[in-house]
PDB file of N, CA and C in Angstrom:
ATOM      1  N   MET A   1     276.455  67.471 142.515  1.00  0.00           N
ATOM      2  CA  MET A   1     276.361  67.525 143.482  1.00  0.00           C
ATOM      3  C   MET A   1     277.589  68.249 144.136  1.00  0.00           C
ATOM      4  N   LYS A   2     278.595  68.569 143.734  1.00  0.00           N
ATOM      5  CA  LYS A   2     280.012  69.101 144.060  1.00  0.00           C
ATOM      6  C   LYS A   2     279.371  70.420 144.387  1.00  0.00           C
ATOM      7  N   ALA A   3     278.776  70.923 143.276  1.00  0.00           N
ATOM      8  CA  ALA A   3     278.499  72.180 143.375  1.00  0.00           C
ATOM      9  C   ALA A   3     277.671  72.778 144.091  1.00  0.00           C
ATOM     10  N   ARG A   4     276.189  72.133 144.985  1.00  0.00           N
ATOM     11  CA  ARG A   4     275.326  72.190 145.559  1.00  0.00           C
ATOM     12  C   ARG A   4     276.011  71.737 147.384  1.00  0.00           C
ATOM     13  N   SER A   5     276.843  71.204 147.258  1.00  0.00           N
ATOM     14  CA  SER A   5     277.171  70.749 148.788  1.00  0.00           C
ATOM     15  C   SER A   5     278.629  70.622 149.524  1.00  0.00           C
ATOM     16  N   GLY A   6     279.607  70.848 148.342  1.00  0.00           N
ATOM     17  CA  GLY A   6     280.694  71.213 147.924  1.00  0.00           C
ATOM     18  C   GLY A   6     281.653  69.759 148.794  1.00  0.00           C
ATOM     19  N   GLU A   7     282.506  70.070 149.421  1.00  0.00           N
ATOM     20  CA  GLU A   7     283.602  69.120 149.777  1.00  0.00           C
ATOM     21  C   GLU A   7     282.700  68.331 150.975  1.00  0.00           C
ATOM     22  N   ARG A   8     281.829  68.994 151.242  1.00  0.00           N
ATOM     23  CA  ARG A   8     280.869  68.304 152.872  1.00  0.00           C
ATOM     24  C   ARG A   8     280.705  66.999 152.387  1.00  0.00           C
ATOM     25  N   THR A   9     280.147  66.614 151.183  1.00  0.00           N
ATOM     26  CA  THR A   9     279.859  64.821 151.050  1.00  0.00           C
ATOM     27  C   THR A   9     280.832  64.042 149.609  1.00  0.00           C
ATOM     28  N   LEU A  10     282.443  64.594 149.835  1.00  0.00           N
ATOM     29  CA  LEU A  10     283.073  64.197 148.746  1.00  0.00           C
ATOM     30  C   LEU A  10     282.785  62.830 148.829  1.00  0.00           C
ATOM     31  N   TRP A  11     281.976  61.732 150.190  1.00  0.00           N
ATOM     32  CA  TRP A  11     282.412  60.536 150.502  1.00  0.00           C
ATOM     33  C   TRP A  11     281.205  60.360 149.649  1.00  0.00           C
ATOM     34  N   ALA A  12     280.065  60.759 149.636  1.00  0.00           N
ATOM     35  CA  ALA A  12     278.870  60.433 149.013  1.00  0.00           C
ATOM     36  C   ALA A  12     279.523  59.858 147.656  1.00  0.00           C
ATOM     37  N   ARG A  13     279.964  61.403 146.945  1.00  0.00           N
ATOM     38  CA  ARG A  13     280.421  60.977 145.598  1.00  0.00           C
ATOM     39  C   ARG A  13     281.151  59.918 145.442  1.00  0.00           C
ATOM     40  N   LEU A  14     282.436  59.803 146.156  1.00  0.00           N
ATOM     41  CA  LEU A  14     282.986  58.673 146.050  1.00  0.00           C
ATOM     42  C   LEU A  14     282.296  57.446 145.961  1.00  0.00           C
ATOM     43  N   MET A  15     281.363  57.742 146.662  1.00  0.00           N
ATOM     44  CA  MET A  15     280.406  55.839 146.984  1.00  0.00           C
ATOM     45  C   MET A  15     279.625  55.946 145.634  1.00  0.00           C
ATOM     46  N   GLY A  16     279.243  57.155 145.248  1.00  0.00           N
ATOM     47  CA  GLY A  16     278.126  57.017 144.006  1.00  0.00           C
ATOM     48  C   GLY A  16     278.812  56.068 142.761  1.00  0.00           C
ATOM     49  N   SER A  17     280.422  57.028 142.658  1.00  0.00           N
ATOM     50  CA  SER A  17     280.624  56.908 141.227  1.00  0.00           C
ATOM     51  C   SER A  17     280.987  55.209 141.620  1.00  0.00           C
ATOM     52  N   SER A  18     281.865  55.180 142.441  1.00  0.00           N
ATOM     53  CA  SER A  18     282.539  53.803 142.734  1.00  0.00           C
ATOM     54  C   SER A  18     281.062  52.292 142.549  1.00  0.00           C
ATOM     55  N   GLY A  19     279.708  52.926 143.085  1.00  0.00           N
ATOM     56  CA  GLY A  19     279.365  52.126 142.544  1.00  0.00           C
ATOM     57  C   GLY A  19     278.639  51.726 141.286  1.00  0.00           C
ATOM     58  N   VAL A  20     278.126  53.087 140.513  1.00  0.00           N
ATOM     59  CA  VAL A  20     277.544  52.726 139.092  1.00  0.00           C
ATOM     60  C   VAL A  20     278.885  51.743 138.295  1.00  0.00           C
ATOM     61  N   GLY A  21     279.915  52.565 138.433  1.00  0.00           N
ATOM     62  CA  GLY A  21     280.979  52.321 137.821  1.00  0.00           C
ATOM     63  C   GLY A  21     281.569  50.934 137.977  1.00  0.00           C
ATOM     64  N   GLU A  22     281.539  50.551 139.103  1.00  0.00           N
ATOM     65  CA  GLU A  22     281.910  49.161 139.253  1.00  0.00           C
ATOM     66  C   GLU A  22     280.666  48.265 138.891  1.00  0.00           C
ATOM     67  N   PHE A  23     279.525  48.331 138.966  1.00  0.00           N
ATOM     68  CA  PHE A  23     278.721  47.752 138.243  1.00  0.00           C
ATOM     69  C   PHE A  23     278.814  47.690 136.801  1.00  0.00           C
ATOM     70  N   VAL A  24     279.268  48.657 135.975  1.00  0.00           N
ATOM     71  CA  VAL A  24     279.382  48.637 134.686  1.00  0.00           C
ATOM     72  C   VAL A  24     280.524  48.074 134.401  1.00  0.00           C
ATOM     73  N   ASP A  25     281.824  47.904 134.846  1.00  0.00           N
ATOM     74  CA  ASP A  25     282.982  47.111 134.443  1.00  0.00           C
ATOM     75  C   ASP A  25     282.250  45.953 134.631  1.00  0.00           C
ATOM     76  N   THR A  26     281.979  45.721 135.399  1.00  0.00           N
ATOM     77  CA  THR A  26     281.576  43.981 136.263  1.00  0.00           C
ATOM     78  C   THR A  26     280.745  43.579 135.527  1.00  0.00           C
ATOM     79  N   LEU A  27     279.806  44.058 135.045  1.00  0.00           N
ATOM     80  CA  LEU A  27     279.383  43.429 133.951  1.00  0.00           C
ATOM     81  C   LEU A  27     279.412  42.990 132.623  1.00  0.00           C
ATOM     82  N   ILE A  28     280.239  44.103 131.836  1.00  0.00           N
ATOM     83  CA  ILE A  28     281.018  43.498 131.054  1.00  0.00           C
ATOM     84  C   ILE A  28     282.432  43.037 131.315  1.00  0.00           C
ATOM     85  N   PHE A  29     283.071  42.813 132.236  1.00  0.00           N
ATOM     86  CA  PHE A  29     283.905  42.143 132.691  1.00  0.00           C
ATOM     87  C   PHE A  29     283.466  40.846 132.115  1.00  0.00           C
ATOM     88  N   CYS A  30     282.318  40.340 132.924  1.00  0.00           N
ATOM     89  CA  CYS A  30     281.645  38.908 133.214  1.00  0.00           C
ATOM     90  C   CYS A  30     281.016  38.162 132.063  1.00  0.00           C
ATOM     91  N   SER A  31     281.135  39.536 130.926  1.00  0.00           N
ATOM     92  CA  SER A  31     280.036  38.686 130.180  1.00  0.00           C
ATOM     93  C   SER A  31     281.300  38.574 129.114  1.00  0.00           C
ATOM     94  N   ILE A  32     282.336  39.052 129.063  1.00  0.00           N
ATOM     95  CA  ILE A  32     283.070  38.225 128.557  1.00  0.00           C
ATOM     96  C   ILE A  32     284.088  37.054 128.744  1.00  0.00           C
ATOM     97  N   ALA A  33     284.060  37.170 130.169  1.00  0.00           N
ATOM     98  CA  ALA A  33     284.939  36.302 130.605  1.00  0.00           C
ATOM     99  C   ALA A  33     284.446  34.840 131.333  1.00  0.00           C
ATOM    100  N   ALA A  34     282.758  34.872 131.011  1.00  0.00           N
ATOM    101  CA  ALA A  34     282.157  34.028 131.741  1.00  0.00           C
ATOM    102  C   ALA A  34     282.245  32.436 130.694  1.00  0.00           C
ATOM    103  N   SER A  35     281.984  33.052 129.574  1.00  0.00           N
ATOM    104  CA  SER A  35     282.055  31.749 128.335  1.00  0.00           C
ATOM    105  C   SER A  35     283.529  31.027 128.421  1.00  0.00           C
ATOM    106  N   VAL A  36     284.680  31.723 128.964  1.00  0.00           N
ATOM    107  CA  VAL A  36     286.084  31.691 128.521  1.00  0.00           C
ATOM    108  C   VAL A  36     286.272  30.454 129.749  1.00  0.00           C
ATOM    109  N   ILE A  37     285.733  30.502 131.272  1.00  0.00           N
ATOM    110  CA  ILE A  37     285.966  30.074 132.150  1.00  0.00           C
ATOM    111  C   ILE A  37     284.560  28.804 132.797  1.00  0.00           C
ATOM    112  N   GLY A  38     283.937  29.020 131.908  1.00  0.00           N
ATOM    113  CA  GLY A  38     283.346  27.664 131.601  1.00  0.00           C
ATOM    114  C   GLY A  38     281.421  28.304 132.254  1.00  0.00           C
ATOM    115  N   ILE A  39     281.419  29.177 132.689  1.00  0.00           N
ATOM    116  CA  ILE A  39     280.013  29.763 133.064  1.00  0.00           C
ATOM    117  C   ILE A  39     278.622  29.496 131.833  1.00  0.00           C
ATOM    118  N   THR A  40     277.798  28.367 131.869  1.00  0.00           N
ATOM    119  CA  THR A  40     276.779  28.406 130.916  1.00  0.00           C
ATOM    120  C   THR A  40     275.353  28.451 131.112  1.00  0.00           C
ATOM    121  N   ASP A  41     275.277  28.812 132.076  1.00  0.00           N
ATOM    122  CA  ASP A  41     273.859  28.947 132.813  1.00  0.00           C
ATOM    123  C   ASP A  41     273.365  30.657 133.508  1.00  0.00           C
ATOM    124  N   PHE A  42     272.149  30.849 133.122  1.00  0.00           N
ATOM    125  CA  PHE A  42     272.455  32.180 133.935  1.00  0.00           C
ATOM    126  C   PHE A  42     271.967  32.366 135.113  1.00  0.00           C
ATOM    127  N   GLY A  43     271.557  31.152 135.739  1.00  0.00           N
ATOM    128  CA  GLY A  43     271.778  31.661 137.724  1.00  0.00           C
ATOM    129  C   GLY A  43     272.934  31.839 137.488  1.00  0.00           C
ATOM    130  N   SER A  44     274.385  30.861 137.443  1.00  0.00           N
ATOM    131  CA  SER A  44     275.848  31.177 137.614  1.00  0.00           C
ATOM    132  C   SER A  44     276.538  32.336 137.138  1.00  0.00           C
ATOM    133  N   PHE A  45     275.839  32.515 136.035  1.00  0.00           N
ATOM    134  CA  PHE A  45     276.274  33.899 135.667  1.00  0.00           C
ATOM    135  C   PHE A  45     276.067  35.246 136.492  1.00  0.00           C
ATOM    136  N   VAL A  46     274.776  35.508 136.521  1.00  0.00           N
ATOM    137  CA  VAL A  46     274.343  36.013 137.497  1.00  0.00           C
ATOM    138  C   VAL A  46     274.888  36.291 138.799  1.00  0.00           C
ATOM    139  N   ASN A  47     275.354  34.819 139.511  1.00  0.00           N
ATOM    140  CA  ASN A  47     276.191  34.719 140.969  1.00  0.00           C
ATOM    141  C   ASN A  47     277.466  35.708 140.432  1.00  0.00           C
ATOM    142  N   TYR A  48     278.084  35.281 139.687  1.00  0.00           N
ATOM    143  CA  TYR A  48     279.066  35.838 139.007  1.00  0.00           C
ATOM    144  C   TYR A  48     279.392  37.196 138.825  1.00  0.00           C
ATOM    145  N   VAL A  49     278.350  37.983 138.366  1.00  0.00           N
ATOM    146  CA  VAL A  49     278.562  39.360 138.640  1.00  0.00           C
ATOM    147  C   VAL A  49     278.103  39.960 139.760  1.00  0.00           C
ATOM    148  N   LEU A  50     277.680  39.394 140.789  1.00  0.00           N
ATOM    149  CA  LEU A  50     277.016  39.616 141.597  1.00  0.00           C
ATOM    150  C   LEU A  50     277.681  39.771 142.672  1.00  0.00           C
ATOM    151  N   VAL A  51     278.942  38.170 142.705  1.00  0.00           N
ATOM    152  CA  VAL A  51     279.904  38.245 143.684  1.00  0.00           C
ATOM    153  C   VAL A  51     281.039  39.534 143.147  1.00  0.00           C
ATOM    154  N   GLY A  52     281.410  39.443 142.035  1.00  0.00           N
ATOM    155  CA  GLY A  52     282.601  40.153 141.749  1.00  0.00           C
ATOM    156  C   GLY A  52     281.966  41.963 141.976  1.00  0.00           C
ATOM    157  N   PHE A  53     280.920  41.805 142.000  1.00  0.00           N
ATOM    158  CA  PHE A  53     280.345  43.566 142.119  1.00  0.00           C
ATOM    159  C   PHE A  53     280.440  43.916 143.628  1.00  0.00           C
ATOM    160  N   VAL A  54     279.865  43.067 144.495  1.00  0.00           N
ATOM    161  CA  VAL A  54     279.764  43.173 145.525  1.00  0.00           C
ATOM    162  C   VAL A  54     281.291  43.064 146.555  1.00  0.00           C
ATOM    163  N   TYR A  55     282.083  42.150 146.156  1.00  0.00           N
ATOM    164  CA  TYR A  55     283.822  42.445 146.360  1.00  0.00           C
ATOM    165  C   TYR A  55     284.341  43.691 145.894  1.00  0.00           C
ATOM    166  N   LYS A  56     284.310  44.198 144.482  1.00  0.00           N
ATOM    167  CA  LYS A  56     284.829  45.224 144.121  1.00  0.00           C
ATOM    168  C   LYS A  56     284.523  46.200 145.082  1.00  0.00           C
ATOM    169  N   VAL A  57     283.377  46.517 145.034  1.00  0.00           N
ATOM    170  CA  VAL A  57     282.801  47.544 145.586  1.00  0.00           C
ATOM    171  C   VAL A  57     283.137  47.645 147.103  1.00  0.00           C
ATOM    172  N   GLY A  58     283.005  46.471 147.860  1.00  0.00           N
ATOM    173  CA  GLY A  58     283.228  46.370 149.380  1.00  0.00           C
ATOM    174  C   GLY A  58     284.872  47.036 149.635  1.00  0.00           C
ATOM    175  N   VAL A  59     285.304  46.428 148.369  1.00  0.00           N
ATOM    176  CA  VAL A  59     286.953  47.101 149.095  1.00  0.00           C
ATOM    177  C   VAL A  59     287.047  48.540 148.905  1.00  0.00           C
ATOM    178  N   GLN A  60     286.249  49.155 147.558  1.00  0.00           N
ATOM    179  CA  GLN A  60     286.319  50.391 147.186  1.00  0.00           C
ATOM    180  C   GLN A  60     285.723  51.207 148.330  1.00  0.00           C
ATOM    181  N   TYR A  61     284.763  51.080 149.187  1.00  0.00           N
ATOM    182  CA  TYR A  61     283.790  51.649 149.787  1.00  0.00           C
ATOM    183  C   TYR A  61     284.611  51.525 151.460  1.00  0.00           C
ATOM    184  N   ILE A  62     285.907  50.534 151.365  1.00  0.00           N
ATOM    185  CA  ILE A  62     286.626  50.601 152.564  1.00  0.00           C
ATOM    186  C   ILE A  62     287.908  51.292 152.627  1.00  0.00           C
ATOM    187  N   LEU A  63     287.959  51.975 151.451  1.00  0.00           N
ATOM    188  CA  LEU A  63     288.958  52.131 151.177  1.00  0.00           C
ATOM    189  C   LEU A  63     288.597  53.979 151.345  1.00  0.00           C
ATOM    190  N   VAL A  64     287.165  54.226 151.382  1.00  0.00           N
ATOM    191  CA  VAL A  64     286.800  55.735 151.292  1.00  0.00           C
ATOM    192  C   VAL A  64     287.586  56.418 151.935  1.00  0.00           C
ATOM    193  N   PRO A  65     287.572  56.846 153.497  1.00  0.00           N
ATOM    194  CA  PRO A  65     288.611  57.355 153.947  1.00  0.00           C
ATOM    195  C   PRO A  65     289.591  57.678 153.797  1.00  0.00           C
ATOM    196  N   VAL A  66     290.396  56.405 153.385  1.00  0.00           N
ATOM    197  CA  VAL A  66     292.250  56.780 152.844  1.00  0.00           C
ATOM    198  C   VAL A  66     291.757  57.748 151.552  1.00  0.00           C
ATOM    199  N   THR A  67     291.106  57.612 150.702  1.00  0.00           N
ATOM    200  CA  THR A  67     290.837  58.255 149.275  1.00  0.00           C
ATOM    201  C   THR A  67     290.735  59.477 149.732  1.00  0.00           C
ATOM    202  N   SER A  68     290.044  59.990 150.816  1.00  0.00           N
ATOM    203  CA  SER A  68     289.567  61.408 151.190  1.00  0.00           C
ATOM    204  C   SER A  68     290.464  61.829 151.933  1.00  0.00           C
ATOM    205  N   LEU A  69     291.490  61.135 152.422  1.00  0.00           N
ATOM    206  CA  LEU A  69     292.321  62.095 152.612  1.00  0.00           C
ATOM    207  C   LEU A  69     293.683  62.191 152.183  1.00  0.00           C
ATOM    208  N   VAL A  70     293.798  61.321 150.389  1.00  0.00           N
ATOM    209  CA  VAL A  70     294.818  61.462 149.952  1.00  0.00           C
ATOM    210  C   VAL A  70     293.979  62.605 148.998  1.00  0.00           C
ATOM    211  N   ILE A  71     292.702  62.495 148.585  1.00  0.00           N
ATOM    212  CA  ILE A  71     292.571  64.221 147.721  1.00  0.00           C
ATOM    213  C   ILE A  71     292.755  64.986 148.647  1.00  0.00           C
ATOM    214  N   GLY A  72     292.514  65.274 149.476  1.00  0.00           N
ATOM    215  CA  GLY A  72     292.512  66.476 150.737  1.00  0.00           C
ATOM    216  C   GLY A  72     294.354  67.031 150.891  1.00  0.00           C
ATOM    217  N   TRP A  73     294.654  65.716 150.889  1.00  0.00           N
ATOM    218  CA  TRP A  73     296.410  66.161 150.737  1.00  0.00           C
ATOM    219  C   TRP A  73     296.829  66.857 149.202  1.00  0.00           C
ATOM    220  N   ILE A  74     296.248  66.141 148.186  1.00  0.00           N
ATOM    221  CA  ILE A  74     296.545  66.970 146.523  1.00  0.00           C
ATOM    222  C   ILE A  74     296.108  67.962 146.947  1.00  0.00           C
ATOM    223  N   LYS A  75     294.613  68.259 147.512  1.00  0.00           N
ATOM    224  CA  LYS A  75     293.981  69.819 146.843  1.00  0.00           C
ATOM    225  C   LYS A  75     294.926  70.966 147.861  1.00  0.00           C
ATOM    226  N   LYS A  76     295.493  70.933 149.007  1.00  0.00           N
ATOM    227  CA  LYS A  76     296.201  71.178 149.951  1.00  0.00           C
ATOM    228  C   LYS A  76     297.287  72.010 148.758  1.00  0.00           C
ATOM    229  N   ARG A  77     298.080  71.071 147.960  1.00  0.00           N
ATOM    230  CA  ARG A  77     299.038  71.313 147.433  1.00  0.00           C
ATOM    231  C   ARG A  77     298.764  71.423 146.136  1.00  0.00           C
ATOM    232  N   GLU A  78     297.425  71.232 145.017  1.00  0.00           N
ATOM    233  CA  GLU A  78     297.840  71.879 144.031  1.00  0.00           C
ATOM    234  C   GLU A  78     297.848  73.404 143.774  1.00  0.00           C
ATOM    235  N   PRO A  79     298.179  73.697 142.794  1.00  0.00           N
ATOM    236  CA  PRO A  79     298.392  75.380 142.455  1.00  0.00           C
ATOM    237  C   PRO A  79     296.687  75.647 142.316  1.00  0.00           C
ATOM    238  N   SER A  80     296.798  76.541 142.692  1.00  0.00           N
ATOM    239  CA  SER A  80     295.439  77.869 142.214  1.00  0.00           C
ATOM    240  C   SER A  80     294.648  77.745 141.187  1.00  0.00           C
ATOM    241  N   TYR A  81     295.654  77.371 139.947  1.00  0.00           N
ATOM    242  CA  TYR A  81     294.964  77.349 137.945  1.00  0.00           C
ATOM    243  C   TYR A  81     294.450  76.178 138.220  1.00  0.00           C
ATOM    244  N   TRP A  82     294.720  75.336 138.859  1.00  0.00           N
ATOM    245  CA  TRP A  82     293.739  74.271 139.027  1.00  0.00           C
ATOM    246  C   TRP A  82     292.607  74.003 139.198  1.00  0.00           C
ATOM    247  N   ALA A  83     292.652  75.032 140.482  1.00  0.00           N
ATOM    248  CA  ALA A  83     290.699  74.717 141.363  1.00  0.00           C
ATOM    249  C   ALA A  83     289.949  75.590 140.639  1.00  0.00           C
TER     250      ALA A  83
END
């Protein structure tokens, strides 16, 4: 995506990677934690995963403007050999 559109779609790359990464992370974590906290039926497990995923992705999506500013600030200051 970056090669095709450059920095113009940084927000899309941030949101896409956050969504996919958080889903995998939430699914793994909830699979391990569910039995520890007493979740035994499938419906409760699905609810547990969905609520966790929506919360984590929501927070990340809200912070995309801040993340974009920080990335821009770092890119302006990084040495040219990192580019």
